[in-house]
Every structure is written in structure tokens, then in C-alpha cells.
Amino acid sequence: MGNLRNTPCGKTVTVRRVEGEGATRRRIMDIGITRGAEVFVRKVAPLGDPIEVTVRGYELSLRKADAEKILVE
């Protein structure tokens, strides 16, 4: 199990857990990234921030710090 930040482009992964606490964790879960959701990594910016993903049929951009808190497999 790794985190979303280390997932290569073009790969689909399943969310196993969202780490963190308080408002940050809640915000990640509110945008649809919850346990069991499938996430497709579309693009990673040249310096690695942000990461563009597709989840539940829509596209999102996530900061590296947030992507590290999303554990996937």
C-alpha cells in the first residue's frame, strides 16, 4: 500500500484510507475521495505539484501534501 502522490501517471488505484485529521481530512472526503473509490491519475505537473486525477467521473487537482494523505493500493 502506497500513497496517491507516488502513483504513476496512467494508473488507476483504489483508496484504502484517508489519513490526517480535522478540516483537511474532511475536505478530502467531501470531494469524493473515500475508502473504496477508484482514482485514475491523469497528469502530474513537472515539479510534482499539483496532481490531476479523475474520481467518480470528475476531474480534480490535488496538492502533493493532500495526495500524501491518501493511501491507495
N, C-alpha and C. Protein backbone atom coordinates (compact mmCIF):
# COMPACT_ATOMS: atom_id res chain seq x y z
N MET A 1 0.85 -1.18 0.00
CA MET A 1 0.00 0.00 0.00
C MET A 1 0.90 1.24 0.00
N GLY A 2 0.63 2.16 -0.93
CA GLY A 2 1.39 3.40 -1.03
C GLY A 2 0.45 4.58 -0.92
N ASN A 3 0.94 5.75 -1.27
CA ASN A 3 0.06 6.91 -1.25
C ASN A 3 -0.16 7.42 -2.66
N LEU A 4 -1.14 8.27 -2.82
CA LEU A 4 -1.52 8.76 -4.15
C LEU A 4 -0.41 9.59 -4.78
N ARG A 5 0.39 10.25 -3.98
CA ARG A 5 1.48 11.08 -4.52
C ARG A 5 2.48 10.25 -5.31
N ASN A 6 2.73 9.03 -4.92
CA ASN A 6 3.72 8.17 -5.57
C ASN A 6 3.15 7.31 -6.69
N THR A 7 1.88 7.46 -7.00
CA THR A 7 1.24 6.68 -8.06
C THR A 7 1.62 7.27 -9.42
N PRO A 8 2.09 6.44 -10.35
CA PRO A 8 2.48 6.96 -11.67
C PRO A 8 1.29 7.36 -12.53
N CYS A 9 1.55 8.22 -13.50
CA CYS A 9 0.50 8.66 -14.44
C CYS A 9 -0.06 7.47 -15.19
N GLY A 10 -1.36 7.53 -15.49
CA GLY A 10 -2.00 6.49 -16.27
C GLY A 10 -2.44 5.28 -15.47
N LYS A 11 -2.27 5.30 -14.17
CA LYS A 11 -2.61 4.15 -13.34
C LYS A 11 -3.89 4.44 -12.55
N THR A 12 -4.72 3.40 -12.40
CA THR A 12 -5.93 3.50 -11.58
C THR A 12 -5.69 2.75 -10.29
N VAL A 13 -6.01 3.38 -9.17
CA VAL A 13 -5.81 2.79 -7.85
C VAL A 13 -7.10 2.90 -7.05
N THR A 14 -7.16 2.12 -5.97
CA THR A 14 -8.32 2.15 -5.08
C THR A 14 -7.90 2.74 -3.74
N VAL A 15 -8.71 3.66 -3.24
CA VAL A 15 -8.42 4.31 -1.96
C VAL A 15 -8.67 3.33 -0.83
N ARG A 16 -7.69 3.17 0.05
CA ARG A 16 -7.83 2.30 1.21
C ARG A 16 -8.07 3.08 2.49
N ARG A 17 -7.47 4.29 2.59
CA ARG A 17 -7.66 5.08 3.81
C ARG A 17 -7.25 6.52 3.54
N VAL A 18 -7.91 7.44 4.22
CA VAL A 18 -7.53 8.85 4.17
C VAL A 18 -6.99 9.20 5.54
N GLU A 19 -5.70 9.56 5.58
CA GLU A 19 -5.09 9.93 6.85
C GLU A 19 -5.30 11.41 7.13
N GLY A 20 -4.78 11.85 8.24
CA GLY A 20 -4.91 13.25 8.61
C GLY A 20 -6.03 13.41 9.62
N GLU A 21 -6.29 14.66 9.95
CA GLU A 21 -7.34 14.91 10.93
C GLU A 21 -7.97 16.26 10.67
N GLY A 22 -9.12 16.44 11.24
CA GLY A 22 -9.79 17.73 11.18
C GLY A 22 -10.25 18.14 9.79
N ALA A 23 -10.09 19.44 9.52
CA ALA A 23 -10.62 20.04 8.30
C ALA A 23 -9.99 19.48 7.03
N THR A 24 -8.71 19.17 7.07
CA THR A 24 -8.05 18.65 5.87
C THR A 24 -8.62 17.30 5.46
N ARG A 25 -8.74 16.40 6.40
CA ARG A 25 -9.30 15.07 6.12
C ARG A 25 -10.74 15.20 5.64
N ARG A 26 -11.50 16.05 6.28
CA ARG A 26 -12.91 16.24 5.92
C ARG A 26 -13.04 16.79 4.51
N ARG A 27 -12.17 17.74 4.14
CA ARG A 27 -12.22 18.34 2.80
C ARG A 27 -11.93 17.28 1.73
N ILE A 28 -10.92 16.43 1.98
CA ILE A 28 -10.60 15.38 1.02
C ILE A 28 -11.79 14.43 0.85
N MET A 29 -12.42 14.07 1.94
CA MET A 29 -13.56 13.16 1.86
C MET A 29 -14.78 13.83 1.22
N ASP A 30 -14.96 15.11 1.43
CA ASP A 30 -16.09 15.84 0.85
C ASP A 30 -16.02 15.93 -0.67
N ILE A 31 -14.81 15.88 -1.24
CA ILE A 31 -14.70 15.95 -2.70
C ILE A 31 -14.83 14.58 -3.35
N GLY A 32 -15.12 13.56 -2.56
CA GLY A 32 -15.42 12.24 -3.11
C GLY A 32 -14.32 11.21 -2.98
N ILE A 33 -13.22 11.57 -2.34
CA ILE A 33 -12.13 10.61 -2.17
C ILE A 33 -12.34 9.92 -0.83
N THR A 34 -13.01 8.78 -0.88
CA THR A 34 -13.33 8.00 0.31
C THR A 34 -12.86 6.57 0.10
N ARG A 35 -12.85 5.79 1.17
CA ARG A 35 -12.41 4.39 1.08
C ARG A 35 -13.22 3.65 0.01
N GLY A 36 -12.51 2.94 -0.85
CA GLY A 36 -13.15 2.16 -1.90
C GLY A 36 -13.30 2.88 -3.23
N ALA A 37 -13.10 4.19 -3.26
CA ALA A 37 -13.23 4.95 -4.51
C ALA A 37 -12.05 4.65 -5.42
N GLU A 38 -12.32 4.55 -6.72
CA GLU A 38 -11.25 4.34 -7.69
C GLU A 38 -10.78 5.70 -8.20
N VAL A 39 -9.47 5.86 -8.24
CA VAL A 39 -8.86 7.13 -8.66
C VAL A 39 -7.91 6.85 -9.81
N PHE A 40 -8.09 7.60 -10.91
CA PHE A 40 -7.21 7.49 -12.08
C PHE A 40 -6.30 8.70 -12.09
N VAL A 41 -4.99 8.49 -12.11
CA VAL A 41 -4.03 9.58 -12.13
C VAL A 41 -3.83 10.01 -13.58
N ARG A 42 -4.32 11.21 -13.93
CA ARG A 42 -4.26 11.70 -15.30
C ARG A 42 -2.93 12.37 -15.62
N LYS A 43 -2.51 13.32 -14.79
CA LYS A 43 -1.29 14.08 -15.06
C LYS A 43 -0.62 14.46 -13.76
N VAL A 44 0.68 14.64 -13.85
CA VAL A 44 1.44 15.19 -12.72
C VAL A 44 2.24 16.36 -13.28
N ALA A 45 2.15 17.51 -12.63
CA ALA A 45 2.86 18.69 -13.08
C ALA A 45 4.37 18.42 -13.07
N PRO A 46 5.14 19.17 -13.86
CA PRO A 46 6.60 18.92 -13.96
C PRO A 46 7.32 18.88 -12.61
N LEU A 47 6.94 19.70 -11.68
CA LEU A 47 7.58 19.68 -10.37
C LEU A 47 6.80 18.83 -9.36
N GLY A 48 5.78 18.12 -9.85
CA GLY A 48 5.03 17.20 -8.99
C GLY A 48 3.86 17.81 -8.25
N ASP A 49 3.60 19.08 -8.47
CA ASP A 49 2.51 19.73 -7.74
C ASP A 49 1.79 20.69 -8.68
N PRO A 50 0.53 20.53 -8.99
CA PRO A 50 -0.41 19.56 -8.44
C PRO A 50 -0.48 18.27 -9.25
N ILE A 51 -1.31 17.36 -8.74
CA ILE A 51 -1.58 16.09 -9.40
C ILE A 51 -3.02 16.14 -9.88
N GLU A 52 -3.24 15.82 -11.15
CA GLU A 52 -4.59 15.84 -11.70
C GLU A 52 -5.12 14.41 -11.74
N VAL A 53 -6.28 14.20 -11.13
CA VAL A 53 -6.87 12.87 -11.05
C VAL A 53 -8.33 12.90 -11.50
N THR A 54 -8.85 11.73 -11.82
CA THR A 54 -10.27 11.57 -12.11
C THR A 54 -10.84 10.64 -11.05
N VAL A 55 -11.90 11.09 -10.37
CA VAL A 55 -12.54 10.29 -9.34
C VAL A 55 -14.05 10.49 -9.45
N ARG A 56 -14.78 9.39 -9.42
CA ARG A 56 -16.24 9.41 -9.51
C ARG A 56 -16.77 10.22 -10.69
N GLY A 57 -16.02 10.17 -11.82
CA GLY A 57 -16.49 10.82 -13.04
C GLY A 57 -16.13 12.28 -13.19
N TYR A 58 -15.40 12.87 -12.29
CA TYR A 58 -14.99 14.25 -12.48
C TYR A 58 -13.50 14.41 -12.18
N GLU A 59 -12.95 15.52 -12.68
CA GLU A 59 -11.51 15.75 -12.59
C GLU A 59 -11.19 16.68 -11.43
N LEU A 60 -10.10 16.37 -10.73
CA LEU A 60 -9.64 17.16 -9.59
C LEU A 60 -8.15 17.42 -9.71
N SER A 61 -7.71 18.49 -9.10
CA SER A 61 -6.29 18.75 -8.93
C SER A 61 -6.01 18.75 -7.44
N LEU A 62 -5.02 17.96 -7.04
CA LEU A 62 -4.67 17.84 -5.63
C LEU A 62 -3.25 18.30 -5.39
N ARG A 63 -3.02 18.92 -4.26
CA ARG A 63 -1.67 19.29 -3.86
C ARG A 63 -0.92 18.04 -3.41
N LYS A 64 0.41 18.08 -3.49
CA LYS A 64 1.22 16.95 -3.06
C LYS A 64 0.94 16.61 -1.60
N ALA A 65 0.82 17.63 -0.77
CA ALA A 65 0.61 17.41 0.66
C ALA A 65 -0.69 16.64 0.91
N ASP A 66 -1.74 16.95 0.13
CA ASP A 66 -3.01 16.23 0.29
C ASP A 66 -2.92 14.82 -0.28
N ALA A 67 -2.24 14.67 -1.42
CA ALA A 67 -2.11 13.35 -2.05
C ALA A 67 -1.33 12.37 -1.17
N GLU A 68 -0.41 12.88 -0.36
CA GLU A 68 0.34 12.01 0.54
C GLU A 68 -0.54 11.39 1.62
N LYS A 69 -1.63 12.03 1.94
CA LYS A 69 -2.52 11.55 3.00
C LYS A 69 -3.53 10.51 2.51
N ILE A 70 -3.54 10.27 1.19
CA ILE A 70 -4.48 9.31 0.61
C ILE A 70 -3.74 8.01 0.35
N LEU A 71 -4.02 6.99 1.15
CA LEU A 71 -3.36 5.69 0.99
C LEU A 71 -4.14 4.85 -0.01
N VAL A 72 -3.42 4.28 -0.98
CA VAL A 72 -4.06 3.54 -2.07
C VAL A 72 -3.38 2.20 -2.29
N GLU A 73 -4.06 1.33 -3.06
CA GLU A 73 -3.43 0.07 -3.48
C GLU A 73 -3.95 -0.32 -4.84
